[in-house]
């Protein structure tokens, strides 16, 4: 058998080889499991004795267990099926918005075991909002039978400073967002990861949704506000200050002023935010029940079957979105743009095709436009995946 090598290409020591092989087996069991020992031999290329030792080590560590049998159709004893012990650790995801906090508790394989949501009045006492959010997470975990959380991931709007992992202070966002993260760290005493919510949506779309075949793409979030997540060569790119993708501030034609350092009015936000989408719908004679993201989602969804007026509205909306997409593509050339958020999800393939057509007329760069596939829980799903990856990095490592 070819000697196992580490990531630098050097021949690994026997101990390091075991670590590499164990991690490979765990990754295969997570992705393709449950698996038999024979299947692990085929997928890893290891010998029968090596796989037998590997399975024993992982069972002794409490990371895998026999979860069933395979091969009932053949003669002889059935083969044991091994799977990751999903209840070895539990995770929590928290989606923080101006008007709502959503929570999901999941096992080590990312399978949800509990969820809850809390409406937030922006005028309420921030300290009370933080306290109620923490209590809700504790109650959700308790009701799911979870005594202890291993890792918590939080998605929030705004800039997450790469050097500190903290939210950048901004007068446009509630101060209680940062206070909640700080309180979660103190109350639970476990790793609390913080990420921009649009970045988490991109993680979900790449792993579970529209772009599993792409390692380079840009996700445009079209909801109450607008934003982007940049994935280049399989890596999430945050920028020097965490501001990569803040396209609400992107100066674009068709607005009445330029954005400022303290406000994105006049930028791409003024063309594609929920308020702008609802105003555009009214201009086309479509009934709209407000100016928030749910209203924009409803009118875009209804426009797909609203006849000529709906078609003209979607054409006009696609032209606006294409302006922002063209600017992003001119700089990054991602080859693929995903339309997500309430508006992108409601528009589906109908809106994506229209944006793609207009983008092709505006840009010489060949760019595919796809509709997001992960539902309204994209941020939570991305947070669960991030927490799962972080927990597995610890538990699947020696001594974890």
Protein backbone atom coordinates (compact mmCIF):
# COMPACT_ATOMS: atom_id res chain seq x y z
CA UNK A 1 0.00 0.00 0.00
CA UNK A 2 1.27 3.49 -0.78
CA UNK A 3 2.59 5.29 2.28
CA UNK A 4 0.15 7.81 3.76
CA UNK A 5 1.26 11.41 3.36
CA UNK A 6 0.21 14.51 5.23
CA UNK A 7 -1.07 17.67 3.54
CA UNK A 8 2.45 18.96 2.94
CA UNK A 9 3.27 15.82 0.95
CA UNK A 10 5.66 14.41 3.55
CA UNK A 11 5.49 10.76 4.53
CA UNK A 12 3.45 10.58 7.73
CA UNK A 13 4.60 8.84 10.89
CA UNK A 14 2.55 5.78 11.90
CA UNK A 15 0.69 7.85 14.51
CA UNK A 16 -0.03 10.65 12.05
CA UNK A 17 -1.11 8.09 9.44
CA UNK A 18 -3.67 6.73 11.89
CA UNK A 19 -4.95 10.25 12.53
CA UNK A 20 -5.26 10.95 8.80
CA UNK A 21 -7.00 7.65 8.13
CA UNK A 22 -9.40 8.07 11.06
CA UNK A 23 -10.37 11.55 9.88
CA UNK A 24 -10.88 10.29 6.32
CA UNK A 25 -13.13 7.47 7.56
CA UNK A 26 -15.18 9.87 9.68
CA UNK A 27 -15.63 12.24 6.75
CA UNK A 28 -16.78 9.34 4.57
CA UNK A 29 -19.20 8.15 7.24
CA UNK A 30 -20.62 11.65 7.54
CA UNK A 31 -21.02 12.09 3.79
CA UNK A 32 -21.97 8.58 2.67
CA UNK A 33 -22.71 6.63 5.84
CA UNK A 34 -23.66 4.32 7.32
CA UNK A 35 -20.99 2.10 5.77
CA UNK A 36 -19.68 -1.43 6.23
CA UNK A 37 -16.03 -2.21 6.88
CA UNK A 38 -15.78 -3.54 3.32
CA UNK A 39 -17.12 -0.26 1.94
CA UNK A 40 -14.65 1.68 4.05
CA UNK A 41 -11.84 -0.47 2.62
CA UNK A 42 -12.91 0.39 -0.92
CA UNK A 43 -13.37 4.10 -0.25
CA UNK A 44 -10.17 4.58 1.76
CA UNK A 45 -7.92 2.13 -0.09
CA UNK A 46 -6.75 0.71 3.25
CA UNK A 47 -6.11 -2.94 4.00
CA UNK A 48 -8.53 -5.14 5.92
CA UNK A 49 -6.39 -5.09 9.14
CA UNK A 50 -5.99 -1.30 8.92
CA UNK A 51 -9.74 -0.78 8.61
CA UNK A 52 -10.41 -3.21 11.44
CA UNK A 53 -8.02 -1.27 13.70
CA UNK A 54 -9.55 2.01 12.56
CA UNK A 55 -13.09 0.88 13.34
CA UNK A 56 -12.04 -0.35 16.76
CA UNK A 57 -10.30 2.96 17.58
CA UNK A 58 -13.30 5.02 16.53
CA UNK A 59 -15.71 2.81 18.47
CA UNK A 60 -13.53 3.02 21.59
CA UNK A 61 -13.49 6.80 21.22
CA UNK A 62 -17.30 6.84 21.11
CA UNK A 63 -17.36 8.42 17.65
CA UNK A 64 -18.94 5.56 15.71
CA UNK A 65 -21.21 2.65 16.53
CA UNK A 66 -22.96 -0.26 14.84
CA UNK A 67 -26.25 1.14 13.53
CA UNK A 68 -27.55 -1.82 11.53
CA UNK A 69 -26.70 -4.61 9.13
CA UNK A 70 -26.24 -4.90 5.39
CA UNK A 71 -26.19 -7.78 2.97
CA UNK A 72 -29.35 -9.61 3.95
CA UNK A 73 -29.69 -10.71 0.34
CA UNK A 74 -26.42 -12.67 0.34
CA UNK A 75 -25.40 -15.92 1.97
CA UNK A 76 -23.50 -15.87 5.22
CA UNK A 77 -23.57 -13.44 8.14
CA UNK A 78 -24.70 -9.91 7.50
CA UNK A 79 -22.10 -7.15 7.53
CA UNK A 80 -22.26 -4.56 10.28
CA UNK A 81 -23.12 -1.01 9.31
CA UNK A 82 -21.15 1.69 11.10
CA UNK A 83 -22.34 5.25 11.56
CA UNK A 84 -21.27 8.37 13.42
CA UNK A 85 -22.70 8.67 16.93
CA UNK A 86 -24.86 11.70 16.24
CA UNK A 87 -25.68 12.37 19.89
CA UNK A 88 -22.01 12.61 20.84
CA UNK A 89 -22.46 16.39 20.70
CA UNK A 90 -25.22 18.90 20.08
CA UNK A 91 -25.04 22.25 18.32
CA UNK A 92 -27.11 25.40 18.20
CA UNK A 93 -27.70 27.90 15.41
CA UNK A 94 -29.04 31.41 16.03
CA UNK A 95 -30.31 33.69 13.25
CA UNK A 96 -30.42 37.27 14.55
CA UNK A 97 -32.49 39.87 12.71
CA UNK A 98 -33.83 43.29 13.61
CA UNK A 99 -37.35 41.96 14.16
CA UNK A 100 -36.76 38.31 15.01
CA UNK A 101 -34.46 35.73 16.55
CA UNK A 102 -34.67 32.17 15.21
CA UNK A 103 -33.03 29.17 16.87
CA UNK A 104 -32.27 25.60 15.87
CA UNK A 105 -30.67 22.83 17.92
CA UNK A 106 -29.08 19.96 15.99
CA UNK A 107 -27.02 16.83 16.55
CA UNK A 108 -23.46 16.20 15.39
CA UNK A 109 -24.69 15.30 11.89
CA UNK A 110 -26.60 18.56 11.59
CA UNK A 111 -30.04 17.00 12.00
CA UNK A 112 -32.47 19.34 13.73
CA UNK A 113 -33.85 18.19 17.08
CA UNK A 114 -35.54 21.44 18.10
CA UNK A 115 -36.36 24.92 16.83
CA UNK A 116 -38.02 28.12 18.01
CA UNK A 117 -38.44 31.78 17.08
CA UNK A 118 -38.91 35.00 18.98
CA UNK A 119 -40.51 38.13 17.48
CA UNK A 120 -38.57 41.24 18.47
CA UNK A 121 -39.99 44.71 18.87
CA UNK A 122 -37.19 47.12 17.83
CA UNK A 123 -38.48 49.55 20.46
CA UNK A 124 -38.27 47.07 23.34
CA UNK A 125 -35.55 47.10 26.00
CA UNK A 126 -32.40 45.60 24.40
CA UNK A 127 -31.43 43.88 27.66
CA UNK A 128 -34.81 42.17 27.82
CA UNK A 129 -34.45 41.06 24.19
CA UNK A 130 -31.05 39.51 24.94
CA UNK A 131 -32.37 37.79 28.08
CA UNK A 132 -35.44 36.39 26.32
CA UNK A 133 -33.29 35.11 23.44
CA UNK A 134 -30.91 33.28 25.76
CA UNK A 135 -33.79 31.77 27.75
CA UNK A 136 -35.40 30.64 24.48
CA UNK A 137 -32.22 28.82 23.46
CA UNK A 138 -31.97 27.14 26.86
CA UNK A 139 -35.60 26.07 26.72
CA UNK A 140 -35.31 24.77 23.15
CA UNK A 141 -32.29 22.66 24.07
CA UNK A 142 -33.97 21.38 27.24
CA UNK A 143 -37.17 20.44 25.41
CA UNK A 144 -35.07 18.50 22.88
CA UNK A 145 -33.43 16.54 25.70
CA UNK A 146 -30.08 18.27 25.22
CA UNK A 147 -28.22 18.79 28.49
CA UNK A 148 -25.18 20.54 27.04
CA UNK A 149 -24.28 22.31 23.81
CA UNK A 150 -20.88 21.83 22.22
CA UNK A 151 -20.82 24.76 19.77
CA UNK A 152 -23.08 27.68 18.92
CA UNK A 153 -23.05 29.56 15.61
CA UNK A 154 -24.71 32.94 15.22
CA UNK A 155 -25.64 34.64 11.97
CA UNK A 156 -26.21 38.40 12.09
CA UNK A 157 -26.36 41.29 9.63
CA UNK A 158 -23.42 43.63 9.43
CA UNK A 159 -19.65 43.38 9.31
CA UNK A 160 -17.89 40.70 11.33
CA UNK A 161 -14.31 41.92 11.78
CA UNK A 162 -11.97 39.04 10.83
CA UNK A 163 -9.28 40.07 13.33
CA UNK A 164 -11.62 40.00 16.33
CA UNK A 165 -14.60 37.89 15.29
CA UNK A 166 -16.86 40.63 16.61
CA UNK A 167 -19.54 42.73 14.94
CA UNK A 168 -18.31 46.10 13.76
CA UNK A 169 -20.20 48.91 15.53
CA UNK A 170 -22.81 50.42 13.23
CA UNK A 171 -25.54 52.92 13.96
CA UNK A 172 -27.74 51.18 11.40
CA UNK A 173 -27.95 47.93 13.37
CA UNK A 174 -29.21 47.22 16.90
CA UNK A 175 -26.54 47.20 19.59
CA UNK A 176 -28.18 44.19 21.24
CA UNK A 177 -26.88 41.94 18.44
CA UNK A 178 -23.34 42.19 19.85
CA UNK A 179 -24.65 42.00 23.40
CA UNK A 180 -26.41 38.73 22.60
CA UNK A 181 -23.23 37.11 21.31
CA UNK A 182 -21.32 38.23 24.40
CA UNK A 183 -24.05 36.91 26.69
CA UNK A 184 -24.20 33.55 24.89
CA UNK A 185 -20.46 33.11 25.40
CA UNK A 186 -20.71 33.90 29.10
CA UNK A 187 -23.85 31.87 29.77
CA UNK A 188 -22.95 28.66 27.93
CA UNK A 189 -19.16 28.69 28.21
CA UNK A 190 -18.73 27.02 24.80
CA UNK A 191 -17.35 28.25 21.47
CA UNK A 192 -19.74 30.79 19.93
CA UNK A 193 -19.00 31.44 16.26
CA UNK A 194 -20.20 34.69 14.68
CA UNK A 195 -20.68 35.10 10.93
CA UNK A 196 -22.47 37.49 8.60
CA UNK A 197 -25.87 36.01 7.81
CA UNK A 198 -25.47 36.24 4.02
CA UNK A 199 -22.19 34.34 4.25
CA UNK A 200 -24.01 31.57 6.12
CA UNK A 201 -26.70 31.45 3.45
CA UNK A 202 -23.95 30.92 0.86
CA UNK A 203 -22.56 28.02 2.91
CA UNK A 204 -26.01 26.44 2.92
CA UNK A 205 -26.52 26.91 -0.83
CA UNK A 206 -23.14 25.36 -1.60
CA UNK A 207 -23.61 22.35 0.66
CA UNK A 208 -27.36 21.77 0.37
CA UNK A 209 -28.81 23.94 -2.35
CA UNK A 210 -28.21 25.54 -5.72
CA UNK A 211 -24.43 25.27 -6.17
CA UNK A 212 -23.01 21.96 -4.89
CA UNK A 213 -21.04 21.76 -8.13
CA UNK A 214 -19.39 25.19 -7.80
CA UNK A 215 -16.38 26.24 -5.76
CA UNK A 216 -16.54 29.82 -7.09
CA UNK A 217 -19.74 31.86 -7.05
CA UNK A 218 -21.38 34.97 -5.62
CA UNK A 219 -24.65 34.84 -3.70
CA UNK A 220 -26.86 37.93 -3.88
CA UNK A 221 -29.17 38.29 -0.90
CA UNK A 222 -32.34 40.14 -1.85
CA UNK A 223 -34.55 40.77 1.13
CA UNK A 224 -35.19 43.61 3.55
CA UNK A 225 -31.69 44.71 2.67
CA UNK A 226 -29.29 43.51 0.01
CA UNK A 227 -25.91 41.88 0.41
CA UNK A 228 -23.56 39.41 -1.17
CA UNK A 229 -21.39 36.50 -0.16
CA UNK A 230 -18.24 35.73 -2.10
CA UNK A 231 -16.95 32.17 -2.45
CA UNK A 232 -13.73 31.94 -4.45
CA UNK A 233 -11.87 28.66 -4.99
CA UNK A 234 -13.98 27.02 -2.30
CA UNK A 235 -13.20 29.64 0.36
CA UNK A 236 -15.46 32.26 1.85
CA UNK A 237 -13.87 35.68 1.31
CA UNK A 238 -14.64 38.28 3.96
CA UNK A 239 -12.33 41.14 2.99
CA UNK A 240 -9.89 43.11 5.14
CA UNK A 241 -12.60 44.50 7.44
CA UNK A 242 -15.27 41.85 6.92
CA UNK A 243 -17.06 44.05 4.40
CA UNK A 244 -16.74 41.96 1.25
CA UNK A 245 -20.23 41.75 -0.21
CA UNK A 246 -21.70 44.93 1.31
CA UNK A 247 -23.23 45.75 -2.06
CA UNK A 248 -26.03 47.78 -0.56
CA UNK A 249 -23.46 50.60 -0.64
CA UNK A 250 -22.54 49.96 -4.28
CA UNK A 251 -23.03 53.18 -6.30
CA UNK A 252 -25.26 52.37 -9.27
CA UNK A 253 -27.19 54.27 -11.93
CA UNK A 254 -30.90 54.74 -11.45
CA UNK A 255 -30.81 56.22 -7.95
CA UNK A 256 -31.16 59.85 -6.87
CA UNK A 257 -27.99 60.17 -4.77
CA UNK A 258 -24.78 58.45 -3.78
CA UNK A 259 -24.57 56.29 -0.67
CA UNK A 260 -22.61 57.55 2.33
CA UNK A 261 -20.38 55.90 4.90
CA UNK A 262 -23.32 55.82 7.31
CA UNK A 263 -26.18 54.95 4.97
CA UNK A 264 -26.74 52.87 1.84
CA UNK A 265 -29.66 54.94 0.52
CA UNK A 266 -28.73 55.83 -3.02
CA UNK A 267 -26.71 52.65 -3.51
CA UNK A 268 -27.83 49.29 -4.86
CA UNK A 269 -30.00 49.05 -1.75
CA UNK A 270 -32.27 51.69 -3.25
CA UNK A 271 -32.82 49.55 -6.35
CA UNK A 272 -33.27 46.07 -4.89
CA UNK A 273 -34.23 46.20 -1.19
CA UNK A 274 -37.70 45.07 -0.16
CA UNK A 275 -38.94 48.65 0.01
CA UNK A 276 -37.67 49.37 -3.50
CA UNK A 277 -39.19 46.14 -4.83
CA UNK A 278 -42.58 46.98 -3.33
CA UNK A 279 -42.48 50.51 -4.75
CA UNK A 280 -41.63 49.11 -8.19
CA UNK A 281 -44.56 46.70 -7.94
CA UNK A 282 -46.94 49.56 -7.17
CA UNK A 283 -45.66 51.43 -10.22
CA UNK A 284 -46.73 48.44 -12.29
CA UNK A 285 -50.19 48.34 -10.75
CA UNK A 286 -49.65 45.29 -8.57
CA UNK A 287 -51.24 45.12 -5.10
CA UNK A 288 -48.68 45.24 -2.28
CA UNK A 289 -49.38 44.74 1.42
CA UNK A 290 -46.45 46.70 2.86
CA UNK A 291 -42.78 47.48 2.31
CA UNK A 292 -41.02 44.74 4.26
CA UNK A 293 -39.41 41.51 3.09
CA UNK A 294 -42.57 39.36 3.42
CA UNK A 295 -44.51 41.87 1.31
CA UNK A 296 -41.79 41.88 -1.35
CA UNK A 297 -41.66 38.08 -1.31
CA UNK A 298 -45.43 37.87 -1.76
CA UNK A 299 -45.65 40.34 -4.64
CA UNK A 300 -42.72 38.78 -6.52
CA UNK A 301 -44.23 35.32 -6.12
CA UNK A 302 -47.64 36.54 -7.27
CA UNK A 303 -46.14 38.37 -10.25
CA UNK A 304 -45.06 35.08 -11.79
CA UNK A 305 -48.72 34.30 -12.54
CA UNK A 306 -50.11 37.85 -12.82
CA UNK A 307 -50.13 38.13 -16.59
CA UNK A 308 -48.70 41.07 -18.54
CA UNK A 309 -48.36 43.39 -15.55
CA UNK A 310 -46.48 40.73 -13.65
CA UNK A 311 -44.16 40.07 -16.58
CA UNK A 312 -43.35 43.76 -17.00
CA UNK A 313 -42.67 44.09 -13.28
CA UNK A 314 -40.35 41.06 -13.26
CA UNK A 315 -38.55 42.43 -16.33
CA UNK A 316 -37.99 45.76 -14.57
CA UNK A 317 -36.87 44.05 -11.36
CA UNK A 318 -34.48 41.79 -13.28
CA UNK A 319 -32.96 44.82 -14.98
CA UNK A 320 -32.28 46.38 -11.58
CA UNK A 321 -30.76 43.24 -10.12
CA UNK A 322 -28.61 42.79 -13.22
CA UNK A 323 -27.02 46.20 -12.61
CA UNK A 324 -25.66 45.07 -9.26
CA UNK A 325 -24.75 41.64 -10.54
CA UNK A 326 -22.85 43.08 -13.50
CA UNK A 327 -20.76 45.28 -11.21
CA UNK A 328 -19.88 42.33 -9.00
CA UNK A 329 -19.05 40.13 -11.99
CA UNK A 330 -16.85 42.79 -13.58
CA UNK A 331 -14.62 42.72 -10.50
CA UNK A 332 -14.75 39.07 -9.45
CA UNK A 333 -15.77 37.09 -12.56
CA UNK A 334 -17.36 34.34 -10.42
CA UNK A 335 -19.00 32.51 -13.33
CA UNK A 336 -22.14 31.93 -11.28
CA UNK A 337 -24.53 34.17 -9.33
CA UNK A 338 -27.15 32.79 -6.93
CA UNK A 339 -30.27 34.85 -6.18
CA UNK A 340 -31.26 34.22 -2.56
CA UNK A 341 -33.19 35.95 0.20
CA UNK A 342 -36.95 36.44 0.19
CA UNK A 343 -37.06 38.09 -3.24
CA UNK A 344 -34.61 35.73 -4.91
CA UNK A 345 -36.41 32.69 -3.52
CA UNK A 346 -39.85 34.00 -4.54
CA UNK A 347 -38.67 34.86 -8.05
CA UNK A 348 -37.27 31.36 -8.56
CA UNK A 349 -36.07 30.26 -11.98
CA UNK A 350 -38.38 32.80 -13.64
CA UNK A 351 -36.52 35.76 -12.15
CA UNK A 352 -33.11 34.07 -12.42
CA UNK A 353 -33.55 33.53 -16.15
CA UNK A 354 -34.53 37.16 -16.67
CA UNK A 355 -31.52 38.39 -14.70
CA UNK A 356 -29.26 36.04 -16.64
CA UNK A 357 -30.54 37.38 -19.97
CA UNK A 358 -29.93 40.99 -18.98
CA UNK A 359 -26.56 40.22 -17.46
CA UNK A 360 -25.47 38.57 -20.71
CA UNK A 361 -26.30 41.80 -22.57
CA UNK A 362 -24.38 43.96 -20.11
CA UNK A 363 -21.27 41.91 -19.50
CA UNK A 364 -18.83 40.03 -21.77
CA UNK A 365 -18.17 37.63 -18.90
CA UNK A 366 -20.14 34.43 -19.18
CA UNK A 367 -22.13 34.13 -15.95
CA UNK A 368 -24.77 31.61 -14.99
CA UNK A 369 -27.58 32.88 -12.77
CA UNK A 370 -29.35 30.39 -10.51
CA UNK A 371 -32.20 30.67 -8.04
CA UNK A 372 -31.45 29.76 -4.45
CA UNK A 373 -32.83 26.38 -3.42
CA UNK A 374 -32.55 26.45 0.37
CA UNK A 375 -35.78 27.70 1.90
CA UNK A 376 -36.40 30.47 4.38
CA UNK A 377 -34.05 28.81 6.88
CA UNK A 378 -30.93 29.27 4.75
CA UNK A 379 -29.13 31.31 7.41
CA UNK A 380 -29.98 28.80 10.14
CA UNK A 381 -28.91 25.89 7.94
CA UNK A 382 -25.61 27.61 7.20
CA UNK A 383 -25.11 28.27 10.90
CA UNK A 384 -25.79 24.62 11.73
CA UNK A 385 -23.27 23.52 9.11
CA UNK A 386 -20.65 25.93 10.46
CA UNK A 387 -21.20 24.76 14.03
CA UNK A 388 -21.10 21.15 12.87
CA UNK A 389 -17.80 21.67 11.06
CA UNK A 390 -16.26 23.37 14.09
CA UNK A 391 -17.45 20.66 16.48
CA UNK A 392 -16.26 17.86 14.26
CA UNK A 393 -12.87 19.55 13.87
CA UNK A 394 -12.47 19.23 17.64
CA UNK A 395 -14.10 15.84 18.19
CA UNK A 396 -12.54 14.16 15.16
CA UNK A 397 -9.03 15.27 16.12
CA UNK A 398 -6.69 13.34 18.44
CA UNK A 399 -7.79 13.82 22.02
CA UNK A 400 -11.14 15.32 20.93
